[in-house]
Amino acid sequence: MEIKLNSFLPCQSTYKKIEVFGYNSKSQPGLEITGINGRGKTIKEKFIFLSKKRKLRYPLKRFVLCVEGENLDKCQLDYLELPLLICFWSMANLLPLKRLDNCYASAKVSLDGEIHHWQAPDGLWQDLRAQDELRKERSIYLGPSKIDGSDFETIDVADMLAQSVGSFK
């Protein structure tokens, strides 16, 4: 299975659009996160902890998650945790999401299951809306149920996670 999800990160006084993608295979089981230098191992261990804490069972496969973006060293990489987790649990068939290539997510995830969304600038929503018109497809934001000052379509990700894997807020 392959999966792709869009994200955006706060980078100094602006933001950067990032693509997160992944695949799984039947080779050596495990989780690998690439493209974010040394942060991948810490995030991987957090995901394993969150999965074990919830007693989630996922297939013994190799899950590879990749972050594609340049010059990420000045960006706040913590906001990639939610998109990476959504990709991982979707590939493991723990979430009801299958097609994510028209979705955006950006948030930190605490060890207690708290999701901390980044307050994106208004210009971001205008950029995404313009891209929708070019692609002739609506994007969906996996975030809080309502975004201030935007008519952007959303899925309340905390509710979805709580219903699928339990105890997220």
C-alpha atoms as a PDB file:
ATOM      1  CA  MET A   1       0.000   0.000   0.000  1.00  0.00           C
ATOM      2  CA  GLU A   2       1.144   3.537  -0.761  1.00  0.00           C
ATOM      3  CA  ILE A   3      -0.067   6.755   0.789  1.00  0.00           C
ATOM      4  CA  LYS A   4       0.552  10.487   0.352  1.00  0.00           C
ATOM      5  CA  LEU A   5      -0.492  13.390   2.563  1.00  0.00           C
ATOM      6  CA  ASN A   6       0.256  17.101   2.319  1.00  0.00           C
ATOM      7  CA  SER A   7       1.468  19.212   5.200  1.00  0.00           C
ATOM      8  CA  PHE A   8       2.796  22.654   5.985  1.00  0.00           C
ATOM      9  CA  LEU A   9       5.341  23.685   8.567  1.00  0.00           C
ATOM     10  CA  PRO A  10       6.057  26.962  10.311  1.00  0.00           C
ATOM     11  CA  CYS A  11       9.488  28.107   9.109  1.00  0.00           C
ATOM     12  CA  GLN A  12      10.700  31.310  10.751  1.00  0.00           C
ATOM     13  CA  SER A  13       8.176  33.970   9.727  1.00  0.00           C
ATOM     14  CA  THR A  14       6.554  31.992   6.906  1.00  0.00           C
ATOM     15  CA  TYR A  15       5.464  28.430   6.115  1.00  0.00           C
ATOM     16  CA  LYS A  16       6.625  25.663   3.833  1.00  0.00           C
ATOM     17  CA  LYS A  17       4.448  23.107   2.058  1.00  0.00           C
ATOM     18  CA  ILE A  18       5.707  19.560   2.497  1.00  0.00           C
ATOM     19  CA  GLU A  19       4.682  16.185   1.103  1.00  0.00           C
ATOM     20  CA  VAL A  20       4.665  13.119   3.323  1.00  0.00           C
ATOM     21  CA  PHE A  21       4.455   9.758   1.616  1.00  0.00           C
ATOM     22  CA  GLY A  22       4.844   6.174   2.607  1.00  0.00           C
ATOM     23  CA  TYR A  23       4.591   2.572   1.609  1.00  0.00           C
ATOM     24  CA  ASN A  24       4.682  -0.823   3.229  1.00  0.00           C
ATOM     25  CA  SER A  25       6.206  -4.096   2.146  1.00  0.00           C
ATOM     26  CA  LYS A  26       6.591  -7.645   3.400  1.00  0.00           C
ATOM     27  CA  SER A  27      10.314  -7.343   4.071  1.00  0.00           C
ATOM     28  CA  GLN A  28      11.881  -6.906   7.547  1.00  0.00           C
ATOM     29  CA  PRO A  29       9.063  -5.636   9.850  1.00  0.00           C
ATOM     30  CA  GLY A  30       9.433  -2.221  11.418  1.00  0.00           C
ATOM     31  CA  LEU A  31       8.887   1.493  10.994  1.00  0.00           C
ATOM     32  CA  GLU A  32      11.328   3.816   9.258  1.00  0.00           C
ATOM     33  CA  ILE A  33      11.022   7.604   8.912  1.00  0.00           C
ATOM     34  CA  THR A  34      13.319   9.373   6.458  1.00  0.00           C
ATOM     35  CA  GLY A  35      13.883  12.920   5.270  1.00  0.00           C
ATOM     36  CA  ILE A  36      13.994  14.732   8.618  1.00  0.00           C
ATOM     37  CA  ASN A  37      17.553  13.961   9.696  1.00  0.00           C
ATOM     38  CA  GLY A  38      17.913  12.868  13.316  1.00  0.00           C
ATOM     39  CA  ARG A  39      14.284  13.581  14.276  1.00  0.00           C
ATOM     40  CA  GLY A  40      12.969  10.463  12.543  1.00  0.00           C
ATOM     41  CA  LYS A  41      14.094   8.062  15.258  1.00  0.00           C
ATOM     42  CA  THR A  42      12.472  10.084  18.062  1.00  0.00           C
ATOM     43  CA  ILE A  43       9.177  10.363  16.172  1.00  0.00           C
ATOM     44  CA  LYS A  44       9.285   6.639  15.341  1.00  0.00           C
ATOM     45  CA  GLU A  45       9.684   5.752  19.018  1.00  0.00           C
ATOM     46  CA  LYS A  46       6.791   8.077  19.917  1.00  0.00           C
ATOM     47  CA  PHE A  47       4.530   6.295  17.401  1.00  0.00           C
ATOM     48  CA  ILE A  48       5.476   2.884  18.777  1.00  0.00           C
ATOM     49  CA  PHE A  49       4.737   4.149  22.309  1.00  0.00           C
ATOM     50  CA  LEU A  50       1.354   5.598  21.264  1.00  0.00           C
ATOM     51  CA  SER A  51       0.465   2.324  19.507  1.00  0.00           C
ATOM     52  CA  LYS A  52       1.468   0.133  22.467  1.00  0.00           C
ATOM     53  CA  LYS A  53      -0.286   2.410  24.971  1.00  0.00           C
ATOM     54  CA  ARG A  54      -3.522   1.890  23.035  1.00  0.00           C
ATOM     55  CA  LYS A  55      -2.835  -1.850  22.551  1.00  0.00           C
ATOM     56  CA  LEU A  56      -3.097  -1.442  18.781  1.00  0.00           C
ATOM     57  CA  ARG A  57      -2.237  -4.401  16.621  1.00  0.00           C
ATOM     58  CA  TYR A  58      -0.867  -3.745  13.180  1.00  0.00           C
ATOM     59  CA  PRO A  59       0.528  -6.120  10.548  1.00  0.00           C
ATOM     60  CA  LEU A  60       4.140  -7.270  10.740  1.00  0.00           C
ATOM     61  CA  LYS A  61       5.275  -5.342   7.697  1.00  0.00           C
ATOM     62  CA  ARG A  62       7.924  -2.785   6.928  1.00  0.00           C
ATOM     63  CA  PHE A  63       6.417   0.708   7.034  1.00  0.00           C
ATOM     64  CA  VAL A  64       8.469   3.470   5.415  1.00  0.00           C
ATOM     65  CA  LEU A  65       7.462   7.126   5.822  1.00  0.00           C
ATOM     66  CA  CYS A  66       9.285   9.827   3.887  1.00  0.00           C
ATOM     67  CA  VAL A  67       9.235  13.607   4.117  1.00  0.00           C
ATOM     68  CA  GLU A  68       9.977  15.484   0.922  1.00  0.00           C
ATOM     69  CA  GLY A  69      11.125  19.039   1.294  1.00  0.00           C
ATOM     70  CA  GLU A  70      14.270  21.116   1.108  1.00  0.00           C
ATOM     71  CA  ASN A  71      15.913  23.316   3.748  1.00  0.00           C
ATOM     72  CA  LEU A  72      13.817  21.988   6.603  1.00  0.00           C
ATOM     73  CA  ASP A  73      16.474  22.765   9.220  1.00  0.00           C
ATOM     74  CA  LYS A  74      14.802  26.119  10.049  1.00  0.00           C
ATOM     75  CA  CYS A  75      11.314  24.626  10.225  1.00  0.00           C
ATOM     76  CA  GLN A  76       9.469  23.339  13.270  1.00  0.00           C
ATOM     77  CA  LEU A  77       9.500  19.625  12.448  1.00  0.00           C
ATOM     78  CA  ASP A  78       7.295  18.752  15.437  1.00  0.00           C
ATOM     79  CA  TYR A  79       4.317  19.744  13.303  1.00  0.00           C
ATOM     80  CA  LEU A  80       4.982  16.717  11.070  1.00  0.00           C
ATOM     81  CA  GLU A  81       4.048  14.310  13.861  1.00  0.00           C
ATOM     82  CA  LEU A  82       0.316  14.206  13.099  1.00  0.00           C
ATOM     83  CA  PRO A  83       0.680  13.771   9.312  1.00  0.00           C
ATOM     84  CA  LEU A  84       3.251  11.003   9.790  1.00  0.00           C
ATOM     85  CA  LEU A  85       1.091   9.269  12.414  1.00  0.00           C
ATOM     86  CA  ILE A  86      -1.984   9.453  10.173  1.00  0.00           C
ATOM     87  CA  CYS A  87      -0.003   7.908   7.304  1.00  0.00           C
ATOM     88  CA  PHE A  88       1.401   5.141   9.507  1.00  0.00           C
ATOM     89  CA  TRP A  89      -1.905   4.167  11.097  1.00  0.00           C
ATOM     90  CA  SER A  90      -3.737   4.418   7.758  1.00  0.00           C
ATOM     91  CA  MET A  91      -1.268   2.036   6.115  1.00  0.00           C
ATOM     92  CA  ALA A  92      -1.662  -0.292   9.123  1.00  0.00           C
ATOM     93  CA  ASN A  93      -5.466  -0.258   8.570  1.00  0.00           C
ATOM     94  CA  LEU A  94      -6.112   1.311  11.977  1.00  0.00           C
ATOM     95  CA  LEU A  95      -7.794   4.430  10.537  1.00  0.00           C
ATOM     96  CA  PRO A  96     -10.705   4.587   8.079  1.00  0.00           C
ATOM     97  CA  LEU A  97      -8.728   6.834   5.694  1.00  0.00           C
ATOM     98  CA  LYS A  98      -7.493   5.372   2.424  1.00  0.00           C
ATOM     99  CA  ARG A  99      -6.992   8.303   0.060  1.00  0.00           C
ATOM    100  CA  LEU A 100      -5.150  11.250   1.561  1.00  0.00           C
ATOM    101  CA  ASP A 101      -3.517  12.953  -1.415  1.00  0.00           C
ATOM    102  CA  ASN A 102      -6.059  15.796  -1.297  1.00  0.00           C
ATOM    103  CA  CYS A 103      -5.691  16.232   2.493  1.00  0.00           C
ATOM    104  CA  TYR A 104      -3.537  18.556   4.599  1.00  0.00           C
ATOM    105  CA  ALA A 105      -2.480  18.139   8.215  1.00  0.00           C
ATOM    106  CA  SER A 106      -0.026  19.898  10.489  1.00  0.00           C
ATOM    107  CA  ALA A 107       0.113  19.315  14.247  1.00  0.00           C
ATOM    108  CA  LYS A 108       2.182  18.099  17.172  1.00  0.00           C
ATOM    109  CA  VAL A 109       1.056  15.019  19.080  1.00  0.00           C
ATOM    110  CA  SER A 110       1.831  14.649  22.774  1.00  0.00           C
ATOM    111  CA  LEU A 111       2.418  11.330  24.530  1.00  0.00           C
ATOM    112  CA  ASP A 112      -0.947  11.826  26.267  1.00  0.00           C
ATOM    113  CA  GLY A 113      -2.801  12.064  22.958  1.00  0.00           C
ATOM    114  CA  GLU A 114      -3.190  15.830  22.837  1.00  0.00           C
ATOM    115  CA  ILE A 115      -3.072  17.354  19.366  1.00  0.00           C
ATOM    116  CA  HIS A 116      -1.622  20.867  19.080  1.00  0.00           C
ATOM    117  CA  HIS A 117      -2.452  22.480  15.742  1.00  0.00           C
ATOM    118  CA  TRP A 118      -0.420  25.275  14.231  1.00  0.00           C
ATOM    119  CA  GLN A 119      -2.346  28.497  13.713  1.00  0.00           C
ATOM    120  CA  ALA A 120      -1.656  28.962  10.021  1.00  0.00           C
ATOM    121  CA  PRO A 121      -1.688  32.453   8.490  1.00  0.00           C
ATOM    122  CA  ASP A 122      -4.676  33.429   6.335  1.00  0.00           C
ATOM    123  CA  GLY A 123      -2.463  33.479   3.234  1.00  0.00           C
ATOM    124  CA  LEU A 124      -2.003  29.729   3.515  1.00  0.00           C
ATOM    125  CA  TRP A 125      -5.712  29.012   3.089  1.00  0.00           C
ATOM    126  CA  GLN A 126      -5.830  31.334   0.056  1.00  0.00           C
ATOM    127  CA  ASP A 127      -2.847  29.489  -1.509  1.00  0.00           C
ATOM    128  CA  LEU A 128      -4.499  26.128  -0.917  1.00  0.00           C
ATOM    129  CA  ARG A 129      -7.788  27.336  -2.372  1.00  0.00           C
ATOM    130  CA  ALA A 130      -5.939  28.538  -5.506  1.00  0.00           C
ATOM    131  CA  GLN A 131      -4.318  25.106  -5.859  1.00  0.00           C
ATOM    132  CA  ASP A 132      -7.759  23.493  -5.559  1.00  0.00           C
ATOM    133  CA  GLU A 133      -8.947  25.533  -8.517  1.00  0.00           C
ATOM    134  CA  LEU A 134      -5.935  24.439 -10.596  1.00  0.00           C
ATOM    135  CA  ARG A 135      -6.461  20.759  -9.718  1.00  0.00           C
ATOM    136  CA  LYS A 136     -10.239  21.061  -9.925  1.00  0.00           C
ATOM    137  CA  GLU A 137     -10.470  19.205  -6.639  1.00  0.00           C
ATOM    138  CA  ARG A 138     -11.294  20.312  -3.091  1.00  0.00           C
ATOM    139  CA  SER A 139      -8.720  19.859  -0.387  1.00  0.00           C
ATOM    140  CA  ILE A 140      -9.582  18.696   3.106  1.00  0.00           C
ATOM    141  CA  TYR A 141      -7.844  19.872   6.263  1.00  0.00           C
ATOM    142  CA  LEU A 142      -7.429  17.234   8.961  1.00  0.00           C
ATOM    143  CA  GLY A 143      -7.624  19.527  11.939  1.00  0.00           C
ATOM    144  CA  PRO A 144     -10.064  21.205  14.293  1.00  0.00           C
ATOM    145  CA  SER A 145     -13.696  21.200  13.240  1.00  0.00           C
ATOM    146  CA  LYS A 146     -13.642  24.869  12.183  1.00  0.00           C
ATOM    147  CA  ILE A 147     -10.882  27.141  10.943  1.00  0.00           C
ATOM    148  CA  ASP A 148     -11.286  30.807  11.843  1.00  0.00           C
ATOM    149  CA  GLY A 149     -11.899  32.994   8.819  1.00  0.00           C
ATOM    150  CA  SER A 150     -11.975  30.137   6.322  1.00  0.00           C
ATOM    151  CA  ASP A 151     -14.594  28.060   4.550  1.00  0.00           C
ATOM    152  CA  PHE A 152     -12.057  25.273   4.125  1.00  0.00           C
ATOM    153  CA  GLU A 153     -13.525  21.767   4.371  1.00  0.00           C
ATOM    154  CA  THR A 154     -12.312  19.984   7.523  1.00  0.00           C
ATOM    155  CA  ILE A 155     -12.383  16.627   9.256  1.00  0.00           C
ATOM    156  CA  ASP A 156     -12.075  16.829  13.029  1.00  0.00           C
ATOM    157  CA  VAL A 157      -9.002  14.650  13.351  1.00  0.00           C
ATOM    158  CA  ALA A 158      -9.172  14.362  17.159  1.00  0.00           C
ATOM    159  CA  ASP A 159     -12.694  12.891  16.938  1.00  0.00           C
ATOM    160  CA  MET A 160     -11.669  10.544  14.123  1.00  0.00           C
ATOM    161  CA  LEU A 161      -8.644   9.292  16.084  1.00  0.00           C
ATOM    162  CA  ALA A 162     -10.664   8.917  19.287  1.00  0.00           C
ATOM    163  CA  GLN A 163     -13.286   6.820  17.483  1.00  0.00           C
ATOM    164  CA  SER A 164     -10.710   4.688  15.641  1.00  0.00           C
ATOM    165  CA  VAL A 165      -7.899   4.143  18.158  1.00  0.00           C
ATOM    166  CA  GLY A 166      -9.185   5.774  21.353  1.00  0.00           C
ATOM    167  CA  SER A 167      -8.176   8.534  23.782  1.00  0.00           C
ATOM    168  CA  PHE A 168      -7.211  11.503  21.622  1.00  0.00           C
ATOM    169  CA  LYS A 169      -8.171  15.079  22.398  1.00  0.00           C
END
